[in-house]
Amino acid sequence: MSELQKQQCEACNADAPRLSEQEIQTYLQQVPGWQVKDHDGVAILTRQYTFKNFAEALSFTQKVGELAESYQHHPALVTEWGKVTVDWWTHKIKGLHRNDFIMAAKTDGLGG
């Protein structure tokens, strides 16, 4: 279990600072397989997981949904045959917060 997986999300307000580019690069080293993409000026942490079939992809999606609900921090999820794309970002600050990297690490811990 990684250090990020052990951490808890903190409450995040609309005035919370977004992570700097340097902080993002540091956190990315702790979540291999994740990338940052730009979506209309908003930095989003993204990863695609692959599976043998739709049923396994759907099961993983459900696990991610339960994880998200337990932390009240919700990603965008796209479930397709044999793959699931997970996008984390903090809606309130329109960018990335440490919480997003914690949730990415916890998502990895689900066994995707």
PDB file of N, CA and C in Angstrom:
ATOM      1  N   MET A   1       0.846  -1.181   0.000  1.00  0.00           N
ATOM      2  CA  MET A   1       0.000   0.000   0.000  1.00  0.00           C
ATOM      3  C   MET A   1       0.891   1.243   0.000  1.00  0.00           C
ATOM      4  N   SER A   2       0.613   2.163  -0.913  1.00  0.00           N
ATOM      5  CA  SER A   2       1.416   3.380  -1.016  1.00  0.00           C
ATOM      6  C   SER A   2       1.067   4.366   0.098  1.00  0.00           C
ATOM      7  N   GLU A   3       1.942   5.326   0.278  1.00  0.00           N
ATOM      8  CA  GLU A   3       1.687   6.367   1.285  1.00  0.00           C
ATOM      9  C   GLU A   3       0.406   7.138   0.957  1.00  0.00           C
ATOM     10  N   LEU A   4       0.185   7.426  -0.313  1.00  0.00           N
ATOM     11  CA  LEU A   4      -1.035   8.145  -0.695  1.00  0.00           C
ATOM     12  C   LEU A   4      -2.283   7.331  -0.382  1.00  0.00           C
ATOM     13  N   GLN A   5      -2.232   6.015  -0.578  1.00  0.00           N
ATOM     14  CA  GLN A   5      -3.391   5.172  -0.283  1.00  0.00           C
ATOM     15  C   GLN A   5      -3.767   5.228   1.185  1.00  0.00           C
ATOM     16  N   LYS A   6      -2.797   5.436   2.046  1.00  0.00           N
ATOM     17  CA  LYS A   6      -3.039   5.470   3.488  1.00  0.00           C
ATOM     18  C   LYS A   6      -3.637   6.799   3.946  1.00  0.00           C
ATOM     19  N   GLN A   7      -3.489   7.838   3.131  1.00  0.00           N
ATOM     20  CA  GLN A   7      -3.927   9.170   3.537  1.00  0.00           C
ATOM     21  C   GLN A   7      -5.436   9.336   3.350  1.00  0.00           C
ATOM     22  N   GLN A   8      -5.972  10.316   4.037  1.00  0.00           N
ATOM     23  CA  GLN A   8      -7.391  10.638   3.952  1.00  0.00           C
ATOM     24  C   GLN A   8      -7.559  11.971   3.231  1.00  0.00           C
ATOM     25  N   CYS A   9      -8.654  12.103   2.526  1.00  0.00           N
ATOM     26  CA  CYS A   9      -8.958  13.381   1.882  1.00  0.00           C
ATOM     27  C   CYS A   9      -9.322  14.404   2.951  1.00  0.00           C
ATOM     28  N   GLU A  10      -9.011  15.639   2.651  1.00  0.00           N
ATOM     29  CA  GLU A  10      -9.397  16.726   3.552  1.00  0.00           C
ATOM     30  C   GLU A  10     -10.511  17.524   2.888  1.00  0.00           C
ATOM     31  N   ALA A  11     -11.339  18.142   3.701  1.00  0.00           N
ATOM     32  CA  ALA A  11     -12.402  18.977   3.150  1.00  0.00           C
ATOM     33  C   ALA A  11     -11.777  20.078   2.308  1.00  0.00           C
ATOM     34  N   CYS A  12     -12.350  20.312   1.160  1.00  0.00           N
ATOM     35  CA  CYS A  12     -11.787  21.276   0.220  1.00  0.00           C
ATOM     36  C   CYS A  12     -12.828  22.337  -0.104  1.00  0.00           C
ATOM     37  N   ASN A  13     -12.471  23.588   0.124  1.00  0.00           N
ATOM     38  CA  ASN A  13     -13.363  24.710  -0.178  1.00  0.00           C
ATOM     39  C   ASN A  13     -13.034  25.300  -1.532  1.00  0.00           C
ATOM     40  N   ALA A  14     -13.924  26.112  -2.048  1.00  0.00           N
ATOM     41  CA  ALA A  14     -13.740  26.734  -3.360  1.00  0.00           C
ATOM     42  C   ALA A  14     -12.502  27.633  -3.398  1.00  0.00           C
ATOM     43  N   ASP A  15     -12.037  28.094  -2.233  1.00  0.00           N
ATOM     44  CA  ASP A  15     -10.858  28.969  -2.206  1.00  0.00           C
ATOM     45  C   ASP A  15      -9.559  28.199  -1.932  1.00  0.00           C
ATOM     46  N   ALA A  16      -9.633  26.870  -1.895  1.00  0.00           N
ATOM     47  CA  ALA A  16      -8.426  26.059  -1.690  1.00  0.00           C
ATOM     48  C   ALA A  16      -7.509  26.232  -2.899  1.00  0.00           C
ATOM     49  N   PRO A  17      -6.200  26.277  -2.673  1.00  0.00           N
ATOM     50  CA  PRO A  17      -5.293  26.457  -3.804  1.00  0.00           C
ATOM     51  C   PRO A  17      -5.175  25.183  -4.646  1.00  0.00           C
ATOM     52  N   ARG A  18      -5.064  25.388  -5.946  1.00  0.00           N
ATOM     53  CA  ARG A  18      -4.772  24.272  -6.844  1.00  0.00           C
ATOM     54  C   ARG A  18      -3.303  23.900  -6.663  1.00  0.00           C
ATOM     55  N   LEU A  19      -2.967  22.662  -6.999  1.00  0.00           N
ATOM     56  CA  LEU A  19      -1.575  22.249  -6.946  1.00  0.00           C
ATOM     57  C   LEU A  19      -0.768  22.975  -8.017  1.00  0.00           C
ATOM     58  N   SER A  20       0.478  23.278  -7.684  1.00  0.00           N
ATOM     59  CA  SER A  20       1.390  23.876  -8.660  1.00  0.00           C
ATOM     60  C   SER A  20       1.845  22.788  -9.625  1.00  0.00           C
ATOM     61  N   GLU A  21       2.432  23.165 -10.737  1.00  0.00           N
ATOM     62  CA  GLU A  21       2.954  22.191 -11.695  1.00  0.00           C
ATOM     63  C   GLU A  21       4.011  21.308 -11.037  1.00  0.00           C
ATOM     64  N   GLN A  22       4.847  21.895 -10.203  1.00  0.00           N
ATOM     65  CA  GLN A  22       5.882  21.121  -9.510  1.00  0.00           C
ATOM     66  C   GLN A  22       5.252  20.099  -8.556  1.00  0.00           C
ATOM     67  N   GLU A  23       4.224  20.510  -7.820  1.00  0.00           N
ATOM     68  CA  GLU A  23       3.537  19.587  -6.912  1.00  0.00           C
ATOM     69  C   GLU A  23       2.871  18.455  -7.697  1.00  0.00           C
ATOM     70  N   ILE A  24       2.268  18.794  -8.829  1.00  0.00           N
ATOM     71  CA  ILE A  24       1.635  17.780  -9.678  1.00  0.00           C
ATOM     72  C   ILE A  24       2.659  16.752 -10.125  1.00  0.00           C
ATOM     73  N   GLN A  25       3.815  17.213 -10.580  1.00  0.00           N
ATOM     74  CA  GLN A  25       4.856  16.297 -11.044  1.00  0.00           C
ATOM     75  C   GLN A  25       5.358  15.401  -9.917  1.00  0.00           C
ATOM     76  N   THR A  26       5.458  15.932  -8.722  1.00  0.00           N
ATOM     77  CA  THR A  26       5.883  15.140  -7.559  1.00  0.00           C
ATOM     78  C   THR A  26       4.856  14.059  -7.245  1.00  0.00           C
ATOM     79  N   TYR A  27       3.582  14.431  -7.225  1.00  0.00           N
ATOM     80  CA  TYR A  27       2.534  13.460  -6.937  1.00  0.00           C
ATOM     81  C   TYR A  27       2.405  12.419  -8.046  1.00  0.00           C
ATOM     82  N   LEU A  28       2.591  12.823  -9.301  1.00  0.00           N
ATOM     83  CA  LEU A  28       2.492  11.872 -10.411  1.00  0.00           C
ATOM     84  C   LEU A  28       3.477  10.715 -10.262  1.00  0.00           C
ATOM     85  N   GLN A  29       4.623  10.986  -9.665  1.00  0.00           N
ATOM     86  CA  GLN A  29       5.616   9.930  -9.454  1.00  0.00           C
ATOM     87  C   GLN A  29       5.098   8.859  -8.495  1.00  0.00           C
ATOM     88  N   GLN A  30       4.104   9.228  -7.690  1.00  0.00           N
ATOM     89  CA  GLN A  30       3.566   8.298  -6.698  1.00  0.00           C
ATOM     90  C   GLN A  30       2.371   7.494  -7.206  1.00  0.00           C
ATOM     91  N   VAL A  31       1.897   7.838  -8.411  1.00  0.00           N
ATOM     92  CA  VAL A  31       0.755   7.117  -8.986  1.00  0.00           C
ATOM     93  C   VAL A  31       1.078   6.740 -10.442  1.00  0.00           C
ATOM     94  N   PRO A  32       1.944   5.752 -10.617  1.00  0.00           N
ATOM     95  CA  PRO A  32       2.325   5.332 -11.965  1.00  0.00           C
ATOM     96  C   PRO A  32       1.096   4.946 -12.791  1.00  0.00           C
ATOM     97  N   GLY A  33       1.135   5.297 -14.057  1.00  0.00           N
ATOM     98  CA  GLY A  33       0.025   4.982 -14.954  1.00  0.00           C
ATOM     99  C   GLY A  33      -0.978   6.108 -15.098  1.00  0.00           C
ATOM    100  N   TRP A  34      -0.936   7.066 -14.205  1.00  0.00           N
ATOM    101  CA  TRP A  34      -1.838   8.219 -14.279  1.00  0.00           C
ATOM    102  C   TRP A  34      -1.171   9.331 -15.073  1.00  0.00           C
ATOM    103  N   GLN A  35      -1.984  10.128 -15.742  1.00  0.00           N
ATOM    104  CA  GLN A  35      -1.514  11.267 -16.523  1.00  0.00           C
ATOM    105  C   GLN A  35      -2.393  12.467 -16.221  1.00  0.00           C
ATOM    106  N   VAL A  36      -1.873  13.633 -16.531  1.00  0.00           N
ATOM    107  CA  VAL A  36      -2.665  14.853 -16.400  1.00  0.00           C
ATOM    108  C   VAL A  36      -3.033  15.304 -17.801  1.00  0.00           C
ATOM    109  N   LYS A  37      -4.316  15.575 -17.983  1.00  0.00           N
ATOM    110  CA  LYS A  37      -4.783  16.111 -19.260  1.00  0.00           C
ATOM    111  C   LYS A  37      -5.483  17.438 -18.998  1.00  0.00           C
ATOM    112  N   ASP A  38      -5.537  18.244 -20.022  1.00  0.00           N
ATOM    113  CA  ASP A  38      -6.212  19.533 -19.940  1.00  0.00           C
ATOM    114  C   ASP A  38      -7.575  19.395 -20.601  1.00  0.00           C
ATOM    115  N   HIS A  39      -8.616  19.789 -19.892  1.00  0.00           N
ATOM    116  CA  HIS A  39      -9.964  19.789 -20.456  1.00  0.00           C
ATOM    117  C   HIS A  39     -10.555  21.179 -20.283  1.00  0.00           C
ATOM    118  N   ASP A  40     -10.537  21.935 -21.345  1.00  0.00           N
ATOM    119  CA  ASP A  40     -11.042  23.318 -21.317  1.00  0.00           C
ATOM    120  C   ASP A  40     -10.387  24.148 -20.223  1.00  0.00           C
ATOM    121  N   GLY A  41      -9.075  24.005 -20.083  1.00  0.00           N
ATOM    122  CA  GLY A  41      -8.334  24.790 -19.107  1.00  0.00           C
ATOM    123  C   GLY A  41      -8.323  24.213 -17.704  1.00  0.00           C
ATOM    124  N   VAL A  42      -8.929  23.046 -17.507  1.00  0.00           N
ATOM    125  CA  VAL A  42      -8.969  22.401 -16.195  1.00  0.00           C
ATOM    126  C   VAL A  42      -8.061  21.175 -16.237  1.00  0.00           C
ATOM    127  N   ALA A  43      -7.106  21.104 -15.308  1.00  0.00           N
ATOM    128  CA  ALA A  43      -6.222  19.944 -15.212  1.00  0.00           C
ATOM    129  C   ALA A  43      -6.997  18.789 -14.590  1.00  0.00           C
ATOM    130  N   ILE A  44      -6.917  17.626 -15.253  1.00  0.00           N
ATOM    131  CA  ILE A  44      -7.630  16.436 -14.807  1.00  0.00           C
ATOM    132  C   ILE A  44      -6.652  15.269 -14.746  1.00  0.00           C
ATOM    133  N   LEU A  45      -6.737  14.500 -13.691  1.00  0.00           N
ATOM    134  CA  LEU A  45      -5.908  13.314 -13.502  1.00  0.00           C
ATOM    135  C   LEU A  45      -6.667  12.127 -14.100  1.00  0.00           C
ATOM    136  N   THR A  46      -6.050  11.426 -15.042  1.00  0.00           N
ATOM    137  CA  THR A  46      -6.766  10.385 -15.775  1.00  0.00           C
ATOM    138  C   THR A  46      -5.967   9.093 -15.898  1.00  0.00           C
ATOM    139  N   ARG A  47      -6.700   7.991 -15.940  1.00  0.00           N
ATOM    140  CA  ARG A  47      -6.079   6.689 -16.181  1.00  0.00           C
ATOM    141  C   ARG A  47      -7.120   5.763 -16.793  1.00  0.00           C
ATOM    142  N   GLN A  48      -6.655   4.916 -17.691  1.00  0.00           N
ATOM    143  CA  GLN A  48      -7.528   3.897 -18.277  1.00  0.00           C
ATOM    144  C   GLN A  48      -7.073   2.525 -17.776  1.00  0.00           C
ATOM    145  N   TYR A  49      -8.016   1.765 -17.272  1.00  0.00           N
ATOM    146  CA  TYR A  49      -7.781   0.401 -16.797  1.00  0.00           C
ATOM    147  C   TYR A  49      -8.360  -0.557 -17.832  1.00  0.00           C
ATOM    148  N   THR A  50      -7.694  -1.674 -18.049  1.00  0.00           N
ATOM    149  CA  THR A  50      -8.196  -2.649 -19.006  1.00  0.00           C
ATOM    150  C   THR A  50      -8.609  -3.939 -18.291  1.00  0.00           C
ATOM    151  N   PHE A  51      -9.609  -4.603 -18.893  1.00  0.00           N
ATOM    152  CA  PHE A  51     -10.197  -5.810 -18.323  1.00  0.00           C
ATOM    153  C   PHE A  51     -10.465  -6.826 -19.426  1.00  0.00           C
ATOM    154  N   LYS A  52     -10.757  -8.057 -19.038  1.00  0.00           N
ATOM    155  CA  LYS A  52     -10.989  -9.130 -20.007  1.00  0.00           C
ATOM    156  C   LYS A  52     -12.336  -9.002 -20.720  1.00  0.00           C
ATOM    157  N   ASN A  53     -13.293  -8.319 -20.065  1.00  0.00           N
ATOM    158  CA  ASN A  53     -14.637  -8.238 -20.640  1.00  0.00           C
ATOM    159  C   ASN A  53     -15.421  -7.089 -20.011  1.00  0.00           C
ATOM    160  N   PHE A  54     -16.653  -6.940 -20.448  1.00  0.00           N
ATOM    161  CA  PHE A  54     -17.487  -5.858 -19.936  1.00  0.00           C
ATOM    162  C   PHE A  54     -17.865  -6.076 -18.477  1.00  0.00           C
ATOM    163  N   ALA A  55     -18.138  -7.315 -18.106  1.00  0.00           N
ATOM    164  CA  ALA A  55     -18.559  -7.594 -16.728  1.00  0.00           C
ATOM    165  C   ALA A  55     -17.479  -7.184 -15.724  1.00  0.00           C
ATOM    166  N   GLU A  56     -16.216  -7.474 -16.028  1.00  0.00           N
ATOM    167  CA  GLU A  56     -15.124  -7.074 -15.126  1.00  0.00           C
ATOM    168  C   GLU A  56     -14.981  -5.549 -15.087  1.00  0.00           C
ATOM    169  N   ALA A  57     -15.147  -4.918 -16.231  1.00  0.00           N
ATOM    170  CA  ALA A  57     -15.077  -3.446 -16.276  1.00  0.00           C
ATOM    171  C   ALA A  57     -16.200  -2.839 -15.445  1.00  0.00           C
ATOM    172  N   LEU A  58     -17.382  -3.393 -15.572  1.00  0.00           N
ATOM    173  CA  LEU A  58     -18.531  -2.885 -14.824  1.00  0.00           C
ATOM    174  C   LEU A  58     -18.354  -3.096 -13.323  1.00  0.00           C
ATOM    175  N   SER A  59     -17.806  -4.230 -12.937  1.00  0.00           N
ATOM    176  CA  SER A  59     -17.549  -4.503 -11.523  1.00  0.00           C
ATOM    177  C   SER A  59     -16.556  -3.494 -10.949  1.00  0.00           C
ATOM    178  N   PHE A  60     -15.505  -3.193 -11.701  1.00  0.00           N
ATOM    179  CA  PHE A  60     -14.521  -2.207 -11.250  1.00  0.00           C
ATOM    180  C   PHE A  60     -15.168  -0.827 -11.129  1.00  0.00           C
ATOM    181  N   THR A  61     -16.006  -0.474 -12.100  1.00  0.00           N
ATOM    182  CA  THR A  61     -16.712   0.812 -12.054  1.00  0.00           C
ATOM    183  C   THR A  61     -17.521   0.925 -10.771  1.00  0.00           C
ATOM    184  N   GLN A  62     -18.198  -0.147 -10.398  1.00  0.00           N
ATOM    185  CA  GLN A  62     -18.995  -0.144  -9.173  1.00  0.00           C
ATOM    186  C   GLN A  62     -18.110   0.071  -7.947  1.00  0.00           C
ATOM    187  N   LYS A  63     -16.952  -0.579  -7.915  1.00  0.00           N
ATOM    188  CA  LYS A  63     -16.018  -0.403  -6.800  1.00  0.00           C
ATOM    189  C   LYS A  63     -15.533   1.038  -6.708  1.00  0.00           C
ATOM    190  N   VAL A  64     -15.218   1.638  -7.845  1.00  0.00           N
ATOM    191  CA  VAL A  64     -14.772   3.034  -7.851  1.00  0.00           C
ATOM    192  C   VAL A  64     -15.905   3.939  -7.367  1.00  0.00           C
ATOM    193  N   GLY A  65     -17.120   3.644  -7.803  1.00  0.00           N
ATOM    194  CA  GLY A  65     -18.273   4.430  -7.356  1.00  0.00           C
ATOM    195  C   GLY A  65     -18.482   4.358  -5.857  1.00  0.00           C
ATOM    196  N   GLU A  66     -18.332   3.169  -5.294  1.00  0.00           N
ATOM    197  CA  GLU A  66     -18.471   3.007  -3.845  1.00  0.00           C
ATOM    198  C   GLU A  66     -17.362   3.737  -3.097  1.00  0.00           C
ATOM    199  N   LEU A  67     -16.141   3.663  -3.618  1.00  0.00           N
ATOM    200  CA  LEU A  67     -15.022   4.396  -3.028  1.00  0.00           C
ATOM    201  C   LEU A  67     -15.311   5.899  -3.050  1.00  0.00           C
ATOM    202  N   ALA A  68     -15.731   6.377  -4.199  1.00  0.00           N
ATOM    203  CA  ALA A  68     -16.018   7.812  -4.360  1.00  0.00           C
ATOM    204  C   ALA A  68     -17.102   8.265  -3.391  1.00  0.00           C
ATOM    205  N   GLU A  69     -18.144   7.486  -3.284  1.00  0.00           N
ATOM    206  CA  GLU A  69     -19.242   7.854  -2.395  1.00  0.00           C
ATOM    207  C   GLU A  69     -18.787   7.874  -0.941  1.00  0.00           C
ATOM    208  N   SER A  70     -17.907   6.953  -0.571  1.00  0.00           N
ATOM    209  CA  SER A  70     -17.447   6.906   0.820  1.00  0.00           C
ATOM    210  C   SER A  70     -16.616   8.134   1.184  1.00  0.00           C
ATOM    211  N   TYR A  71     -15.979   8.759   0.196  1.00  0.00           N
ATOM    212  CA  TYR A  71     -15.173   9.956   0.451  1.00  0.00           C
ATOM    213  C   TYR A  71     -15.865  11.239   0.003  1.00  0.00           C
ATOM    214  N   GLN A  72     -17.048  11.105  -0.579  1.00  0.00           N
ATOM    215  CA  GLN A  72     -17.781  12.260  -1.106  1.00  0.00           C
ATOM    216  C   GLN A  72     -16.902  13.067  -2.071  1.00  0.00           C
ATOM    217  N   HIS A  73     -16.163  12.335  -2.892  1.00  0.00           N
ATOM    218  CA  HIS A  73     -15.303  12.931  -3.922  1.00  0.00           C
ATOM    219  C   HIS A  73     -15.495  12.059  -5.158  1.00  0.00           C
ATOM    220  N   HIS A  74     -16.084  12.640  -6.200  1.00  0.00           N
ATOM    221  CA  HIS A  74     -16.612  11.833  -7.293  1.00  0.00           C
ATOM    222  C   HIS A  74     -15.893  12.101  -8.618  1.00  0.00           C
ATOM    223  N   PRO A  75     -15.442  11.020  -9.272  1.00  0.00           N
ATOM    224  CA  PRO A  75     -14.755  11.148 -10.558  1.00  0.00           C
ATOM    225  C   PRO A  75     -15.743  11.072 -11.727  1.00  0.00           C
ATOM    226  N   ALA A  76     -15.216  11.305 -12.906  1.00  0.00           N
ATOM    227  CA  ALA A  76     -15.936  10.954 -14.130  1.00  0.00           C
ATOM    228  C   ALA A  76     -15.496   9.541 -14.472  1.00  0.00           C
ATOM    229  N   LEU A  77     -16.453   8.685 -14.782  1.00  0.00           N
ATOM    230  CA  LEU A  77     -16.177   7.292 -15.105  1.00  0.00           C
ATOM    231  C   LEU A  77     -16.779   6.959 -16.464  1.00  0.00           C
ATOM    232  N   VAL A  78     -15.975   6.352 -17.332  1.00  0.00           N
ATOM    233  CA  VAL A  78     -16.473   5.874 -18.618  1.00  0.00           C
ATOM    234  C   VAL A  78     -16.196   4.376 -18.655  1.00  0.00           C
ATOM    235  N   THR A  79     -17.263   3.600 -18.730  1.00  0.00           N
ATOM    236  CA  THR A  79     -17.149   2.147 -18.766  1.00  0.00           C
ATOM    237  C   THR A  79     -17.469   1.662 -20.174  1.00  0.00           C
ATOM    238  N   GLU A  80     -16.537   0.910 -20.728  1.00  0.00           N
ATOM    239  CA  GLU A  80     -16.689   0.354 -22.069  1.00  0.00           C
ATOM    240  C   GLU A  80     -16.342  -1.121 -22.007  1.00  0.00           C
ATOM    241  N   TRP A  81     -16.519  -1.830 -23.124  1.00  0.00           N
ATOM    242  CA  TRP A  81     -16.144  -3.230 -23.162  1.00  0.00           C
ATOM    243  C   TRP A  81     -14.643  -3.323 -22.926  1.00  0.00           C
ATOM    244  N   GLY A  82     -14.246  -3.952 -21.827  1.00  0.00           N
ATOM    245  CA  GLY A  82     -12.848  -4.209 -21.547  1.00  0.00           C
ATOM    246  C   GLY A  82     -12.036  -3.035 -21.034  1.00  0.00           C
ATOM    247  N   LYS A  83     -12.668  -1.920 -20.739  1.00  0.00           N
ATOM    248  CA  LYS A  83     -11.884  -0.802 -20.189  1.00  0.00           C
ATOM    249  C   LYS A  83     -12.756   0.180 -19.419  1.00  0.00           C
ATOM    250  N   VAL A  84     -12.103   0.838 -18.476  1.00  0.00           N
ATOM    251  CA  VAL A  84     -12.733   1.895 -17.683  1.00  0.00           C
ATOM    252  C   VAL A  84     -11.758   3.052 -17.615  1.00  0.00           C
ATOM    253  N   THR A  85     -12.241   4.237 -17.941  1.00  0.00           N
ATOM    254  CA  THR A  85     -11.446   5.463 -17.810  1.00  0.00           C
ATOM    255  C   THR A  85     -11.933   6.198 -16.564  1.00  0.00           C
ATOM    256  N   VAL A  86     -10.988   6.557 -15.705  1.00  0.00           N
ATOM    257  CA  VAL A  86     -11.297   7.268 -14.460  1.00  0.00           C
ATOM    258  C   VAL A  86     -10.618   8.627 -14.518  1.00  0.00           C
ATOM    259  N   ASP A  87     -11.385   9.678 -14.313  1.00  0.00           N
ATOM    260  CA  ASP A  87     -10.870  11.052 -14.285  1.00  0.00           C
ATOM    261  C   ASP A  87     -11.168  11.667 -12.923  1.00  0.00           C
ATOM    262  N   TRP A  88     -10.116  12.076 -12.233  1.00  0.00           N
ATOM    263  CA  TRP A  88     -10.257  12.760 -10.934  1.00  0.00           C
ATOM    264  C   TRP A  88      -9.855  14.220 -11.087  1.00  0.00           C
ATOM    265  N   TRP A  89     -10.615  15.116 -10.500  1.00  0.00           N
ATOM    266  CA  TRP A  89     -10.254  16.518 -10.331  1.00  0.00           C
ATOM    267  C   TRP A  89     -11.194  17.082  -9.280  1.00  0.00           C
ATOM    268  N   THR A  90     -10.832  18.217  -8.759  1.00  0.00           N
ATOM    269  CA  THR A  90     -11.651  18.824  -7.711  1.00  0.00           C
ATOM    270  C   THR A  90     -12.512  19.900  -8.346  1.00  0.00           C
ATOM    271  N   HIS A  91     -13.787  19.601  -8.417  1.00  0.00           N
ATOM    272  CA  HIS A  91     -14.735  20.475  -9.099  1.00  0.00           C
ATOM    273  C   HIS A  91     -14.763  21.880  -8.498  1.00  0.00           C
ATOM    274  N   LYS A  92     -14.692  21.956  -7.173  1.00  0.00           N
ATOM    275  CA  LYS A  92     -14.803  23.255  -6.495  1.00  0.00           C
ATOM    276  C   LYS A  92     -13.696  24.224  -6.885  1.00  0.00           C
ATOM    277  N   ILE A  93     -12.498  23.696  -7.184  1.00  0.00           N
ATOM    278  CA  ILE A  93     -11.377  24.590  -7.519  1.00  0.00           C
ATOM    279  C   ILE A  93     -11.023  24.524  -9.010  1.00  0.00           C
ATOM    280  N   LYS A  94     -11.787  23.727  -9.753  1.00  0.00           N
ATOM    281  CA  LYS A  94     -11.574  23.587 -11.197  1.00  0.00           C
ATOM    282  C   LYS A  94     -10.118  23.237 -11.507  1.00  0.00           C
ATOM    283  N   GLY A  95      -9.635  22.222 -10.815  1.00  0.00           N
ATOM    284  CA  GLY A  95      -8.256  21.791 -11.022  1.00  0.00           C
ATOM    285  C   GLY A  95      -7.895  20.667 -10.072  1.00  0.00           C
ATOM    286  N   LEU A  96      -6.591  20.478  -9.901  1.00  0.00           N
ATOM    287  CA  LEU A  96      -6.105  19.364  -9.091  1.00  0.00           C
ATOM    288  C   LEU A  96      -5.731  19.786  -7.673  1.00  0.00           C
ATOM    289  N   HIS A  97      -6.082  18.940  -6.744  1.00  0.00           N
ATOM    290  CA  HIS A  97      -5.803  19.093  -5.319  1.00  0.00           C
ATOM    291  C   HIS A  97      -5.153  17.786  -4.864  1.00  0.00           C
ATOM    292  N   ARG A  98      -4.489  17.800  -3.751  1.00  0.00           N
ATOM    293  CA  ARG A  98      -3.875  16.590  -3.206  1.00  0.00           C
ATOM    294  C   ARG A  98      -4.895  15.463  -3.088  1.00  0.00           C
ATOM    295  N   ASN A  99      -6.139  15.790  -2.784  1.00  0.00           N
ATOM    296  CA  ASN A  99      -7.196  14.782  -2.669  1.00  0.00           C
ATOM    297  C   ASN A  99      -7.318  13.929  -3.936  1.00  0.00           C
ATOM    298  N   ASP A 100      -7.121  14.547  -5.094  1.00  0.00           N
ATOM    299  CA  ASP A 100      -7.261  13.811  -6.349  1.00  0.00           C
ATOM    300  C   ASP A 100      -6.198  12.722  -6.475  1.00  0.00           C
ATOM    301  N   PHE A 101      -5.018  13.010  -6.021  1.00  0.00           N
ATOM    302  CA  PHE A 101      -3.939  12.018  -6.061  1.00  0.00           C
ATOM    303  C   PHE A 101      -4.163  10.929  -5.008  1.00  0.00           C
ATOM    304  N   ILE A 102      -4.707  11.299  -3.869  1.00  0.00           N
ATOM    305  CA  ILE A 102      -5.073  10.301  -2.863  1.00  0.00           C
ATOM    306  C   ILE A 102      -6.117   9.354  -3.447  1.00  0.00           C
ATOM    307  N   MET A 103      -7.119   9.897  -4.107  1.00  0.00           N
ATOM    308  CA  MET A 103      -8.169   9.073  -4.679  1.00  0.00           C
ATOM    309  C   MET A 103      -7.645   8.226  -5.841  1.00  0.00           C
ATOM    310  N   ALA A 104      -6.708   8.758  -6.609  1.00  0.00           N
ATOM    311  CA  ALA A 104      -6.095   7.961  -7.679  1.00  0.00           C
ATOM    312  C   ALA A 104      -5.367   6.753  -7.075  1.00  0.00           C
ATOM    313  N   ALA A 105      -4.618   6.979  -6.015  1.00  0.00           N
ATOM    314  CA  ALA A 105      -3.910   5.877  -5.359  1.00  0.00           C
ATOM    315  C   ALA A 105      -4.890   4.861  -4.780  1.00  0.00           C
ATOM    316  N   LYS A 106      -5.968   5.331  -4.192  1.00  0.00           N
ATOM    317  CA  LYS A 106      -6.978   4.429  -3.647  1.00  0.00           C
ATOM    318  C   LYS A 106      -7.667   3.660  -4.776  1.00  0.00           C
ATOM    319  N   THR A 107      -7.864   4.294  -5.924  1.00  0.00           N
ATOM    320  CA  THR A 107      -8.441   3.615  -7.078  1.00  0.00           C
ATOM    321  C   THR A 107      -7.517   2.489  -7.524  1.00  0.00           C
ATOM    322  N   ASP A 108      -6.221   2.773  -7.580  1.00  0.00           N
ATOM    323  CA  ASP A 108      -5.249   1.726  -7.932  1.00  0.00           C
ATOM    324  C   ASP A 108      -5.336   0.553  -6.971  1.00  0.00           C
ATOM    325  N   GLY A 109      -5.616   0.844  -5.716  1.00  0.00           N
ATOM    326  CA  GLY A 109      -5.700  -0.199  -4.697  1.00  0.00           C
ATOM    327  C   GLY A 109      -6.910  -1.129  -4.856  1.00  0.00           C
ATOM    328  N   LEU A 110      -7.838  -0.761  -5.731  1.00  0.00           N
ATOM    329  CA  LEU A 110      -9.021  -1.593  -5.967  1.00  0.00           C
ATOM    330  C   LEU A 110      -8.714  -2.781  -6.870  1.00  0.00           C
ATOM    331  N   GLY A 111      -7.510  -2.775  -7.426  1.00  0.00           N
ATOM    332  CA  GLY A 111      -7.106  -3.919  -8.236  1.00  0.00           C
ATOM    333  C   GLY A 111      -7.490  -3.842  -9.696  1.00  0.00           C
ATOM    334  N   GLY A 112      -7.495  -2.654 -10.242  1.00  0.00           N
ATOM    335  CA  GLY A 112      -7.894  -2.471 -11.643  1.00  0.00           C
ATOM    336  C   GLY A 112      -7.003  -2.992 -12.648  1.00  0.00           C
TER     337      GLY A 112
END
